[in-house]
Amino acid sequence: MVTSASHPVIVGVDGSRASTRAIEYAVRVAASQGRAVCLAHVIPDYVPLTPMMPLTPNDLRETGQEILRAAETKARELDPSVVVTTELLSGPRVAGLAHLAEGDSLIVVGHE
C-alpha cells in the first residue's frame, strides 16, 4: 500500500518571494503529513540566444543549482526534521513538475 509519507510535497522554485512562500507552505504541510519535500527547478531546454542575452545552457544550469541551494537552505531552516531533496530538470516547467508528482504527491507553486 502506498502512503502519503512515501510521496513528497513537490515545490516549484525560482528564487522569487512567491517561491519562498511556497517553500514555507510546503514545509508546513510536509511536517504535518510526515512527507518529505522535493524542491524542483526547471530550466528551459530551449532559449533563443541574442547579442543582448547571451545565455548558454551551462549558465542556466548554474543559476538553477544556485536557486536550489538557496531554497534547500531555507527549507532546512524552517523545519530541520523534514527530509529535503532537490531536482534540477530541463524542459517544459509544467510537464517537469507533473512528472515528479506522479502518484499521490502534492505540487506547490508560488504566485505573485
PDB file of N, CA and C in Angstrom:
ATOM      1  N   MET A   1       0.835  -1.184   0.000  1.00  0.00           N
ATOM      2  CA  MET A   1       0.000   0.000   0.000  1.00  0.00           C
ATOM      3  C   MET A   1       0.878   1.245   0.000  1.00  0.00           C
ATOM      4  N   VAL A   2       0.533   2.215  -0.821  1.00  0.00           N
ATOM      5  CA  VAL A   2       1.267   3.473  -0.898  1.00  0.00           C
ATOM      6  C   VAL A   2       0.658   4.452   0.085  1.00  0.00           C
ATOM      7  N   THR A   3       1.493   5.085   0.890  1.00  0.00           N
ATOM      8  CA  THR A   3       1.011   6.067   1.858  1.00  0.00           C
ATOM      9  C   THR A   3       1.491   7.449   1.461  1.00  0.00           C
ATOM     10  N   SER A   4       0.882   8.479   2.060  1.00  0.00           N
ATOM     11  CA  SER A   4       1.300   9.842   1.752  1.00  0.00           C
ATOM     12  C   SER A   4       2.739  10.093   2.163  1.00  0.00           C
ATOM     13  N   ALA A   5       3.237   9.344   3.145  1.00  0.00           N
ATOM     14  CA  ALA A   5       4.612   9.522   3.585  1.00  0.00           C
ATOM     15  C   ALA A   5       5.613   9.124   2.502  1.00  0.00           C
ATOM     16  N   SER A   6       5.195   8.283   1.569  1.00  0.00           N
ATOM     17  CA  SER A   6       6.122   7.842   0.527  1.00  0.00           C
ATOM     18  C   SER A   6       6.139   8.772  -0.679  1.00  0.00           C
ATOM     19  N   HIS A   7       5.292   9.805  -0.672  1.00  0.00           N
ATOM     20  CA  HIS A   7       5.245  10.759  -1.775  1.00  0.00           C
ATOM     21  C   HIS A   7       5.553  12.156  -1.257  1.00  0.00           C
ATOM     22  N   PRO A   8       6.587  12.790  -1.781  1.00  0.00           N
ATOM     23  CA  PRO A   8       6.972  14.105  -1.264  1.00  0.00           C
ATOM     24  C   PRO A   8       6.023  15.212  -1.719  1.00  0.00           C
ATOM     25  N   VAL A   9       6.130  16.325  -1.024  1.00  0.00           N
ATOM     26  CA  VAL A   9       5.487  17.552  -1.468  1.00  0.00           C
ATOM     27  C   VAL A   9       6.475  18.188  -2.450  1.00  0.00           C
ATOM     28  N   ILE A  10       6.045  18.339  -3.701  1.00  0.00           N
ATOM     29  CA  ILE A  10       6.888  18.924  -4.741  1.00  0.00           C
ATOM     30  C   ILE A  10       6.714  20.433  -4.717  1.00  0.00           C
ATOM     31  N   VAL A  11       7.825  21.177  -4.728  1.00  0.00           N
ATOM     32  CA  VAL A  11       7.755  22.634  -4.720  1.00  0.00           C
ATOM     33  C   VAL A  11       8.519  23.173  -5.922  1.00  0.00           C
ATOM     34  N   GLY A  12       7.825  23.885  -6.789  1.00  0.00           N
ATOM     35  CA  GLY A  12       8.487  24.564  -7.896  1.00  0.00           C
ATOM     36  C   GLY A  12       9.142  25.825  -7.364  1.00  0.00           C
ATOM     37  N   VAL A  13      10.454  25.937  -7.540  1.00  0.00           N
ATOM     38  CA  VAL A  13      11.182  27.097  -7.003  1.00  0.00           C
ATOM     39  C   VAL A  13      11.891  27.849  -8.125  1.00  0.00           C
ATOM     40  N   ASP A  14      11.914  29.180  -7.970  1.00  0.00           N
ATOM     41  CA  ASP A  14      12.587  30.007  -8.974  1.00  0.00           C
ATOM     42  C   ASP A  14      13.362  31.173  -8.363  1.00  0.00           C
ATOM     43  N   GLY A  15      13.450  31.211  -7.037  1.00  0.00           N
ATOM     44  CA  GLY A  15      14.200  32.267  -6.373  1.00  0.00           C
ATOM     45  C   GLY A  15      13.387  33.506  -6.043  1.00  0.00           C
ATOM     46  N   SER A  16      12.120  33.530  -6.389  1.00  0.00           N
ATOM     47  CA  SER A  16      11.278  34.701  -6.130  1.00  0.00           C
ATOM     48  C   SER A  16      10.714  34.670  -4.710  1.00  0.00           C
ATOM     49  N   ARG A  17      10.123  35.807  -4.283  1.00  0.00           N
ATOM     50  CA  ARG A  17       9.460  35.847  -2.967  1.00  0.00           C
ATOM     51  C   ARG A  17       8.288  34.872  -2.932  1.00  0.00           C
ATOM     52  N   ALA A  18       7.586  34.771  -4.045  1.00  0.00           N
ATOM     53  CA  ALA A  18       6.459  33.831  -4.108  1.00  0.00           C
ATOM     54  C   ALA A  18       6.953  32.399  -3.936  1.00  0.00           C
ATOM     55  N   SER A  19       8.111  32.113  -4.478  1.00  0.00           N
ATOM     56  CA  SER A  19       8.713  30.790  -4.339  1.00  0.00           C
ATOM     57  C   SER A  19       9.059  30.510  -2.873  1.00  0.00           C
ATOM     58  N   THR A  20       9.555  31.518  -2.186  1.00  0.00           N
ATOM     59  CA  THR A  20       9.871  31.361  -0.764  1.00  0.00           C
ATOM     60  C   THR A  20       8.608  31.062   0.029  1.00  0.00           C
ATOM     61  N   ARG A  21       7.522  31.750  -0.292  1.00  0.00           N
ATOM     62  CA  ARG A  21       6.249  31.470   0.402  1.00  0.00           C
ATOM     63  C   ARG A  21       5.770  30.051   0.105  1.00  0.00           C
ATOM     64  N   ALA A  22       5.993  29.589  -1.115  1.00  0.00           N
ATOM     65  CA  ALA A  22       5.613  28.216  -1.468  1.00  0.00           C
ATOM     66  C   ALA A  22       6.427  27.217  -0.644  1.00  0.00           C
ATOM     67  N   ILE A  23       7.707  27.492  -0.454  1.00  0.00           N
ATOM     68  CA  ILE A  23       8.553  26.618   0.369  1.00  0.00           C
ATOM     69  C   ILE A  23       8.024  26.578   1.793  1.00  0.00           C
ATOM     70  N   GLU A  24       7.695  27.741   2.334  1.00  0.00           N
ATOM     71  CA  GLU A  24       7.185  27.807   3.708  1.00  0.00           C
ATOM     72  C   GLU A  24       5.919  26.965   3.855  1.00  0.00           C
ATOM     73  N   TYR A  25       5.003  27.104   2.920  1.00  0.00           N
ATOM     74  CA  TYR A  25       3.764  26.339   2.963  1.00  0.00           C
ATOM     75  C   TYR A  25       4.043  24.840   2.837  1.00  0.00           C
ATOM     76  N   ALA A  26       4.873  24.479   1.874  1.00  0.00           N
ATOM     77  CA  ALA A  26       5.168  23.066   1.620  1.00  0.00           C
ATOM     78  C   ALA A  26       5.825  22.394   2.819  1.00  0.00           C
ATOM     79  N   VAL A  27       6.726  23.092   3.483  1.00  0.00           N
ATOM     80  CA  VAL A  27       7.387  22.515   4.657  1.00  0.00           C
ATOM     81  C   VAL A  27       6.370  22.282   5.768  1.00  0.00           C
ATOM     82  N   ARG A  28       5.455  23.231   5.972  1.00  0.00           N
ATOM     83  CA  ARG A  28       4.412  23.038   6.996  1.00  0.00           C
ATOM     84  C   ARG A  28       3.552  21.824   6.672  1.00  0.00           C
ATOM     85  N   VAL A  29       3.133  21.705   5.412  1.00  0.00           N
ATOM     86  CA  VAL A  29       2.296  20.573   5.005  1.00  0.00           C
ATOM     87  C   VAL A  29       3.064  19.266   5.157  1.00  0.00           C
ATOM     88  N   ALA A  30       4.299  19.256   4.692  1.00  0.00           N
ATOM     89  CA  ALA A  30       5.116  18.042   4.775  1.00  0.00           C
ATOM     90  C   ALA A  30       5.289  17.604   6.229  1.00  0.00           C
ATOM     91  N   ALA A  31       5.575  18.544   7.099  1.00  0.00           N
ATOM     92  CA  ALA A  31       5.763  18.208   8.515  1.00  0.00           C
ATOM     93  C   ALA A  31       4.476  17.646   9.112  1.00  0.00           C
ATOM     94  N   SER A  32       3.341  18.221   8.748  1.00  0.00           N
ATOM     95  CA  SER A  32       2.078  17.768   9.335  1.00  0.00           C
ATOM     96  C   SER A  32       1.621  16.410   8.791  1.00  0.00           C
ATOM     97  N   GLN A  33       2.091  16.045   7.594  1.00  0.00           N
ATOM     98  CA  GLN A  33       1.670  14.793   6.974  1.00  0.00           C
ATOM     99  C   GLN A  33       2.763  13.729   6.945  1.00  0.00           C
ATOM    100  N   GLY A  34       3.910  14.022   7.525  1.00  0.00           N
ATOM    101  CA  GLY A  34       5.001  13.056   7.532  1.00  0.00           C
ATOM    102  C   GLY A  34       5.602  12.816   6.157  1.00  0.00           C
ATOM    103  N   ARG A  35       5.608  13.839   5.332  1.00  0.00           N
ATOM    104  CA  ARG A  35       6.173  13.725   3.978  1.00  0.00           C
ATOM    105  C   ARG A  35       7.525  14.410   3.902  1.00  0.00           C
ATOM    106  N   ALA A  36       8.244  14.104   2.863  1.00  0.00           N
ATOM    107  CA  ALA A  36       9.466  14.825   2.523  1.00  0.00           C
ATOM    108  C   ALA A  36       9.081  16.001   1.624  1.00  0.00           C
ATOM    109  N   VAL A  37      10.038  16.876   1.369  1.00  0.00           N
ATOM    110  CA  VAL A  37       9.868  17.982   0.432  1.00  0.00           C
ATOM    111  C   VAL A  37      10.882  17.804  -0.685  1.00  0.00           C
ATOM    112  N   CYS A  38      10.415  17.920  -1.919  1.00  0.00           N
ATOM    113  CA  CYS A  38      11.305  17.888  -3.080  1.00  0.00           C
ATOM    114  C   CYS A  38      11.230  19.250  -3.757  1.00  0.00           C
ATOM    115  N   LEU A  39      12.328  19.988  -3.684  1.00  0.00           N
ATOM    116  CA  LEU A  39      12.416  21.295  -4.320  1.00  0.00           C
ATOM    117  C   LEU A  39      12.860  21.094  -5.763  1.00  0.00           C
ATOM    118  N   ALA A  40      12.106  21.639  -6.699  1.00  0.00           N
ATOM    119  CA  ALA A  40      12.397  21.418  -8.117  1.00  0.00           C
ATOM    120  C   ALA A  40      12.505  22.749  -8.853  1.00  0.00           C
ATOM    121  N   HIS A  41      13.552  22.855  -9.655  1.00  0.00           N
ATOM    122  CA  HIS A  41      13.712  23.999 -10.552  1.00  0.00           C
ATOM    123  C   HIS A  41      13.818  23.435 -11.959  1.00  0.00           C
ATOM    124  N   VAL A  42      13.049  24.008 -12.868  1.00  0.00           N
ATOM    125  CA  VAL A  42      13.032  23.521 -14.246  1.00  0.00           C
ATOM    126  C   VAL A  42      13.605  24.597 -15.151  1.00  0.00           C
ATOM    127  N   ILE A  43      14.701  24.253 -15.816  1.00  0.00           N
ATOM    128  CA  ILE A  43      15.285  25.184 -16.775  1.00  0.00           C
ATOM    129  C   ILE A  43      14.764  24.852 -18.167  1.00  0.00           C
ATOM    130  N   PRO A  44      14.569  25.867 -18.985  1.00  0.00           N
ATOM    131  CA  PRO A  44      14.068  25.592 -20.334  1.00  0.00           C
ATOM    132  C   PRO A  44      15.103  24.827 -21.148  1.00  0.00           C
ATOM    133  N   ASP A  45      14.609  23.969 -22.021  1.00  0.00           N
ATOM    134  CA  ASP A  45      15.555  23.234 -22.877  1.00  0.00           C
ATOM    135  C   ASP A  45      15.856  24.002 -24.154  1.00  0.00           C
ATOM    136  N   TYR A  46      15.196  25.140 -24.330  1.00  0.00           N
ATOM    137  CA  TYR A  46      15.458  25.972 -25.495  1.00  0.00           C
ATOM    138  C   TYR A  46      15.397  27.429 -25.067  1.00  0.00           C
ATOM    139  N   VAL A  47      16.459  28.163 -25.320  1.00  0.00           N
ATOM    140  CA  VAL A  47      16.494  29.592 -25.047  1.00  0.00           C
ATOM    141  C   VAL A  47      17.073  30.262 -26.282  1.00  0.00           C
ATOM    142  N   PRO A  48      16.329  31.179 -26.891  1.00  0.00           N
ATOM    143  CA  PRO A  48      16.884  31.874 -28.048  1.00  0.00           C
ATOM    144  C   PRO A  48      18.065  32.742 -27.622  1.00  0.00           C
ATOM    145  N   LEU A  49      19.156  32.622 -28.301  1.00  0.00           N
ATOM    146  CA  LEU A  49      20.342  33.419 -27.990  1.00  0.00           C
ATOM    147  C   LEU A  49      20.322  34.695 -28.815  1.00  0.00           C
ATOM    148  N   THR A  50      20.550  35.810 -28.145  1.00  0.00           N
ATOM    149  CA  THR A  50      20.642  37.096 -28.823  1.00  0.00           C
ATOM    150  C   THR A  50      21.867  37.814 -28.287  1.00  0.00           C
ATOM    151  N   PRO A  51      22.369  38.799 -29.032  1.00  0.00           N
ATOM    152  CA  PRO A  51      23.526  39.554 -28.523  1.00  0.00           C
ATOM    153  C   PRO A  51      23.238  40.232 -27.185  1.00  0.00           C
ATOM    154  N   MET A  52      21.978  40.575 -26.922  1.00  0.00           N
ATOM    155  CA  MET A  52      21.625  41.248 -25.667  1.00  0.00           C
ATOM    156  C   MET A  52      21.460  40.263 -24.508  1.00  0.00           C
ATOM    157  N   MET A  53      21.293  39.003 -24.821  1.00  0.00           N
ATOM    158  CA  MET A  53      21.071  37.999 -23.780  1.00  0.00           C
ATOM    159  C   MET A  53      21.801  36.713 -24.156  1.00  0.00           C
ATOM    160  N   PRO A  54      23.110  36.721 -24.047  1.00  0.00           N
ATOM    161  CA  PRO A  54      23.874  35.531 -24.460  1.00  0.00           C
ATOM    162  C   PRO A  54      23.929  34.441 -23.401  1.00  0.00           C
ATOM    163  N   LEU A  55      22.785  33.867 -23.063  1.00  0.00           N
ATOM    164  CA  LEU A  55      22.743  32.786 -22.086  1.00  0.00           C
ATOM    165  C   LEU A  55      23.050  31.453 -22.755  1.00  0.00           C
ATOM    166  N   THR A  56      23.795  30.645 -22.062  1.00  0.00           N
ATOM    167  CA  THR A  56      24.082  29.301 -22.546  1.00  0.00           C
ATOM    168  C   THR A  56      23.407  28.292 -21.627  1.00  0.00           C
ATOM    169  N   PRO A  57      23.245  27.065 -22.072  1.00  0.00           N
ATOM    170  CA  PRO A  57      22.671  26.045 -21.181  1.00  0.00           C
ATOM    171  C   PRO A  57      23.444  25.913 -19.861  1.00  0.00           C
ATOM    172  N   ASN A  58      24.769  26.068 -19.909  1.00  0.00           N
ATOM    173  CA  ASN A  58      25.555  25.983 -18.670  1.00  0.00           C
ATOM    174  C   ASN A  58      25.219  27.123 -17.720  1.00  0.00           C
ATOM    175  N   ASP A  59      24.982  28.328 -18.269  1.00  0.00           N
ATOM    176  CA  ASP A  59      24.578  29.455 -17.418  1.00  0.00           C
ATOM    177  C   ASP A  59      23.280  29.139 -16.704  1.00  0.00           C
ATOM    178  N   LEU A  60      22.335  28.601 -17.443  1.00  0.00           N
ATOM    179  CA  LEU A  60      21.038  28.278 -16.862  1.00  0.00           C
ATOM    180  C   LEU A  60      21.165  27.186 -15.805  1.00  0.00           C
ATOM    181  N   ARG A  61      22.000  26.199 -16.061  1.00  0.00           N
ATOM    182  CA  ARG A  61      22.203  25.105 -15.105  1.00  0.00           C
ATOM    183  C   ARG A  61      22.833  25.636 -13.811  1.00  0.00           C
ATOM    184  N   GLU A  62      23.848  26.489 -13.937  1.00  0.00           N
ATOM    185  CA  GLU A  62      24.494  27.057 -12.748  1.00  0.00           C
ATOM    186  C   GLU A  62      23.518  27.895 -11.939  1.00  0.00           C
ATOM    187  N   THR A  63      22.729  28.710 -12.628  1.00  0.00           N
ATOM    188  CA  THR A  63      21.732  29.527 -11.936  1.00  0.00           C
ATOM    189  C   THR A  63      20.702  28.635 -11.251  1.00  0.00           C
ATOM    190  N   GLY A  64      20.256  27.601 -11.933  1.00  0.00           N
ATOM    191  CA  GLY A  64      19.302  26.667 -11.350  1.00  0.00           C
ATOM    192  C   GLY A  64      19.842  26.001 -10.099  1.00  0.00           C
ATOM    193  N   GLN A  65      21.110  25.623 -10.123  1.00  0.00           N
ATOM    194  CA  GLN A  65      21.718  24.997  -8.951  1.00  0.00           C
ATOM    195  C   GLN A  65      21.808  25.981  -7.789  1.00  0.00           C
ATOM    196  N   GLU A  66      22.113  27.247  -8.083  1.00  0.00           N
ATOM    197  CA  GLU A  66      22.161  28.267  -7.030  1.00  0.00           C
ATOM    198  C   GLU A  66      20.780  28.471  -6.415  1.00  0.00           C
ATOM    199  N   ILE A  67      19.753  28.514  -7.260  1.00  0.00           N
ATOM    200  CA  ILE A  67      18.385  28.668  -6.769  1.00  0.00           C
ATOM    201  C   ILE A  67      18.015  27.496  -5.860  1.00  0.00           C
ATOM    202  N   LEU A  68      18.367  26.290  -6.271  1.00  0.00           N
ATOM    203  CA  LEU A  68      18.059  25.106  -5.464  1.00  0.00           C
ATOM    204  C   LEU A  68      18.820  25.107  -4.140  1.00  0.00           C
ATOM    205  N   ARG A  69      20.085  25.522  -4.152  1.00  0.00           N
ATOM    206  CA  ARG A  69      20.854  25.575  -2.898  1.00  0.00           C
ATOM    207  C   ARG A  69      20.207  26.544  -1.905  1.00  0.00           C
ATOM    208  N   ALA A  70      19.810  27.713  -2.387  1.00  0.00           N
ATOM    209  CA  ALA A  70      19.178  28.704  -1.505  1.00  0.00           C
ATOM    210  C   ALA A  70      17.829  28.188  -0.996  1.00  0.00           C
ATOM    211  N   ALA A  71      17.068  27.551  -1.864  1.00  0.00           N
ATOM    212  CA  ALA A  71      15.766  27.010  -1.459  1.00  0.00           C
ATOM    213  C   ALA A  71      15.936  25.895  -0.431  1.00  0.00           C
ATOM    214  N   GLU A  72      16.941  25.053  -0.632  1.00  0.00           N
ATOM    215  CA  GLU A  72      17.198  23.958   0.310  1.00  0.00           C
ATOM    216  C   GLU A  72      17.589  24.502   1.681  1.00  0.00           C
ATOM    217  N   THR A  73      18.430  25.520   1.694  1.00  0.00           N
ATOM    218  CA  THR A  73      18.825  26.143   2.956  1.00  0.00           C
ATOM    219  C   THR A  73      17.602  26.684   3.687  1.00  0.00           C
ATOM    220  N   LYS A  74      16.729  27.373   2.963  1.00  0.00           N
ATOM    221  CA  LYS A  74      15.509  27.926   3.551  1.00  0.00           C
ATOM    222  C   LYS A  74      14.621  26.818   4.131  1.00  0.00           C
ATOM    223  N   ALA A  75      14.399  25.771   3.359  1.00  0.00           N
ATOM    224  CA  ALA A  75      13.534  24.677   3.806  1.00  0.00           C
ATOM    225  C   ALA A  75      14.097  24.013   5.056  1.00  0.00           C
ATOM    226  N   ARG A  76      15.393  23.776   5.093  1.00  0.00           N
ATOM    227  CA  ARG A  76      16.012  23.124   6.252  1.00  0.00           C
ATOM    228  C   ARG A  76      15.961  24.019   7.494  1.00  0.00           C
ATOM    229  N   GLU A  77      16.065  25.345   7.290  1.00  0.00           N
ATOM    230  CA  GLU A  77      15.952  26.277   8.420  1.00  0.00           C
ATOM    231  C   GLU A  77      14.542  26.259   9.005  1.00  0.00           C
ATOM    232  N   LEU A  78      13.542  26.122   8.136  1.00  0.00           N
ATOM    233  CA  LEU A  78      12.151  26.152   8.588  1.00  0.00           C
ATOM    234  C   LEU A  78      11.805  24.960   9.468  1.00  0.00           C
ATOM    235  N   ASP A  79      12.283  23.776   9.105  1.00  0.00           N
ATOM    236  CA  ASP A  79      12.000  22.579   9.903  1.00  0.00           C
ATOM    237  C   ASP A  79      13.067  21.527   9.605  1.00  0.00           C
ATOM    238  N   PRO A  80      14.090  21.460  10.457  1.00  0.00           N
ATOM    239  CA  PRO A  80      15.177  20.509  10.226  1.00  0.00           C
ATOM    240  C   PRO A  80      14.748  19.045  10.236  1.00  0.00           C
ATOM    241  N   SER A  81      13.549  18.750  10.760  1.00  0.00           N
ATOM    242  CA  SER A  81      13.102  17.358  10.812  1.00  0.00           C
ATOM    243  C   SER A  81      12.529  16.861   9.482  1.00  0.00           C
ATOM    244  N   VAL A  82      12.222  17.779   8.576  1.00  0.00           N
ATOM    245  CA  VAL A  82      11.653  17.402   7.276  1.00  0.00           C
ATOM    246  C   VAL A  82      12.780  17.038   6.318  1.00  0.00           C
ATOM    247  N   VAL A  83      12.642  15.901   5.666  1.00  0.00           N
ATOM    248  CA  VAL A  83      13.626  15.475   4.663  1.00  0.00           C
ATOM    249  C   VAL A  83      13.454  16.355   3.430  1.00  0.00           C
ATOM    250  N   VAL A  84      14.565  16.922   2.941  1.00  0.00           N
ATOM    251  CA  VAL A  84      14.531  17.821   1.790  1.00  0.00           C
ATOM    252  C   VAL A  84      15.454  17.283   0.705  1.00  0.00           C
ATOM    253  N   THR A  85      14.913  17.174  -0.504  1.00  0.00           N
ATOM    254  CA  THR A  85      15.723  16.801  -1.667  1.00  0.00           C
ATOM    255  C   THR A  85      15.545  17.876  -2.729  1.00  0.00           C
ATOM    256  N   THR A  86      16.415  17.831  -3.745  1.00  0.00           N
ATOM    257  CA  THR A  86      16.311  18.800  -4.838  1.00  0.00           C
ATOM    258  C   THR A  86      16.377  18.077  -6.176  1.00  0.00           C
ATOM    259  N   GLU A  87      15.759  18.683  -7.166  1.00  0.00           N
ATOM    260  CA  GLU A  87      15.778  18.167  -8.536  1.00  0.00           C
ATOM    261  C   GLU A  87      15.964  19.334  -9.485  1.00  0.00           C
ATOM    262  N   LEU A  88      16.958  19.245 -10.348  1.00  0.00           N
ATOM    263  CA  LEU A  88      17.155  20.216 -11.416  1.00  0.00           C
ATOM    264  C   LEU A  88      16.748  19.531 -12.711  1.00  0.00           C
ATOM    265  N   LEU A  89      15.686  20.029 -13.307  1.00  0.00           N
ATOM    266  CA  LEU A  89      15.142  19.432 -14.521  1.00  0.00           C
ATOM    267  C   LEU A  89      15.276  20.401 -15.680  1.00  0.00           C
ATOM    268  N   SER A  90      15.123  19.901 -16.883  1.00  0.00           N
ATOM    269  CA  SER A  90      15.072  20.782 -18.046  1.00  0.00           C
ATOM    270  C   SER A  90      13.898  20.367 -18.916  1.00  0.00           C
ATOM    271  N   GLY A  91      13.333  21.349 -19.581  1.00  0.00           N
ATOM    272  CA  GLY A  91      12.182  21.105 -20.429  1.00  0.00           C
ATOM    273  C   GLY A  91      11.033  22.003 -20.043  1.00  0.00           C
ATOM    274  N   PRO A  92       9.819  21.637 -20.438  1.00  0.00           N
ATOM    275  CA  PRO A  92       8.641  22.426 -20.061  1.00  0.00           C
ATOM    276  C   PRO A  92       8.404  22.350 -18.557  1.00  0.00           C
ATOM    277  N   ARG A  93       8.156  23.479 -17.941  1.00  0.00           N
ATOM    278  CA  ARG A  93       8.019  23.523 -16.477  1.00  0.00           C
ATOM    279  C   ARG A  93       6.860  22.679 -15.964  1.00  0.00           C
ATOM    280  N   VAL A  94       5.700  22.862 -16.547  1.00  0.00           N
ATOM    281  CA  VAL A  94       4.524  22.136 -16.052  1.00  0.00           C
ATOM    282  C   VAL A  94       4.723  20.630 -16.196  1.00  0.00           C
ATOM    283  N   ALA A  95       5.225  20.205 -17.333  1.00  0.00           N
ATOM    284  CA  ALA A  95       5.440  18.773 -17.555  1.00  0.00           C
ATOM    285  C   ALA A  95       6.474  18.218 -16.577  1.00  0.00           C
ATOM    286  N   GLY A  96       7.533  18.974 -16.323  1.00  0.00           N
ATOM    287  CA  GLY A  96       8.563  18.519 -15.393  1.00  0.00           C
ATOM    288  C   GLY A  96       8.037  18.346 -13.984  1.00  0.00           C
ATOM    289  N   LEU A  97       7.281  19.332 -13.502  1.00  0.00           N
ATOM    290  CA  LEU A  97       6.712  19.235 -12.156  1.00  0.00           C
ATOM    291  C   LEU A  97       5.672  18.125 -12.075  1.00  0.00           C
ATOM    292  N   ALA A  98       4.856  18.005 -13.105  1.00  0.00           N
ATOM    293  CA  ALA A  98       3.832  16.950 -13.105  1.00  0.00           C
ATOM    294  C   ALA A  98       4.469  15.567 -13.106  1.00  0.00           C
ATOM    295  N   HIS A  99       5.569  15.411 -13.829  1.00  0.00           N
ATOM    296  CA  HIS A  99       6.254  14.116 -13.857  1.00  0.00           C
ATOM    297  C   HIS A  99       6.775  13.753 -12.468  1.00  0.00           C
ATOM    298  N   LEU A 100       7.330  14.724 -11.754  1.00  0.00           N
ATOM    299  CA  LEU A 100       7.819  14.461 -10.396  1.00  0.00           C
ATOM    300  C   LEU A 100       6.685  14.075  -9.453  1.00  0.00           C
ATOM    301  N   ALA A 101       5.503  14.592  -9.714  1.00  0.00           N
ATOM    302  CA  ALA A 101       4.377  14.389  -8.802  1.00  0.00           C
ATOM    303  C   ALA A 101       3.509  13.195  -9.158  1.00  0.00           C
ATOM    304  N   GLU A 102       3.995  12.304  -9.993  1.00  0.00           N
ATOM    305  CA  GLU A 102       3.196  11.128 -10.336  1.00  0.00           C
ATOM    306  C   GLU A 102       2.780  10.403  -9.062  1.00  0.00           C
ATOM    307  N   GLY A 103       1.567   9.937  -9.050  1.00  0.00           N
ATOM    308  CA  GLY A 103       1.076   9.230  -7.866  1.00  0.00           C
ATOM    309  C   GLY A 103       0.334  10.172  -6.948  1.00  0.00           C
ATOM    310  N   ASP A 104       0.703  10.152  -5.681  1.00  0.00           N
ATOM    311  CA  ASP A 104      -0.028  10.856  -4.643  1.00  0.00           C
ATOM    312  C   ASP A 104       0.688  12.112  -4.161  1.00  0.00           C
ATOM    313  N   SER A 105       1.613  12.650  -4.931  1.00  0.00           N
ATOM    314  CA  SER A 105       2.357  13.828  -4.490  1.00  0.00           C
ATOM    315  C   SER A 105       1.532  15.095  -4.652  1.00  0.00           C
ATOM    316  N   LEU A 106       1.861  16.070  -3.861  1.00  0.00           N
ATOM    317  CA  LEU A 106       1.243  17.392  -3.901  1.00  0.00           C
ATOM    318  C   LEU A 106       2.232  18.335  -4.550  1.00  0.00           C
ATOM    319  N   ILE A 107       1.760  19.203  -5.442  1.00  0.00           N
ATOM    320  CA  ILE A 107       2.617  20.211  -6.076  1.00  0.00           C
ATOM    321  C   ILE A 107       2.260  21.570  -5.496  1.00  0.00           C
ATOM    322  N   VAL A 108       3.286  22.320  -5.067  1.00  0.00           N
ATOM    323  CA  VAL A 108       3.093  23.662  -4.540  1.00  0.00           C
ATOM    324  C   VAL A 108       3.915  24.621  -5.381  1.00  0.00           C
ATOM    325  N   VAL A 109       3.288  25.689  -5.842  1.00  0.00           N
ATOM    326  CA  VAL A 109       3.994  26.727  -6.582  1.00  0.00           C
ATOM    327  C   VAL A 109       3.575  28.069  -6.018  1.00  0.00           C
ATOM    328  N   GLY A 110       4.431  29.047  -6.152  1.00  0.00           N
ATOM    329  CA  GLY A 110       4.101  30.389  -5.682  1.00  0.00           C
ATOM    330  C   GLY A 110       3.385  31.164  -6.770  1.00  0.00           C
ATOM    331  N   HIS A 111       2.814  32.290  -6.363  1.00  0.00           N
ATOM    332  CA  HIS A 111       2.208  33.204  -7.334  1.00  0.00           C
ATOM    333  C   HIS A 111       2.358  34.613  -6.833  1.00  0.00           C
ATOM    334  N   GLU A 112       2.418  35.538  -7.749  1.00  0.00           N
ATOM    335  CA  GLU A 112       2.563  36.952  -7.391  1.00  0.00           C
ATOM    336  C   GLU A 112       1.205  37.596  -7.406  1.00  0.00           C
TER     337      GLU A 112
END
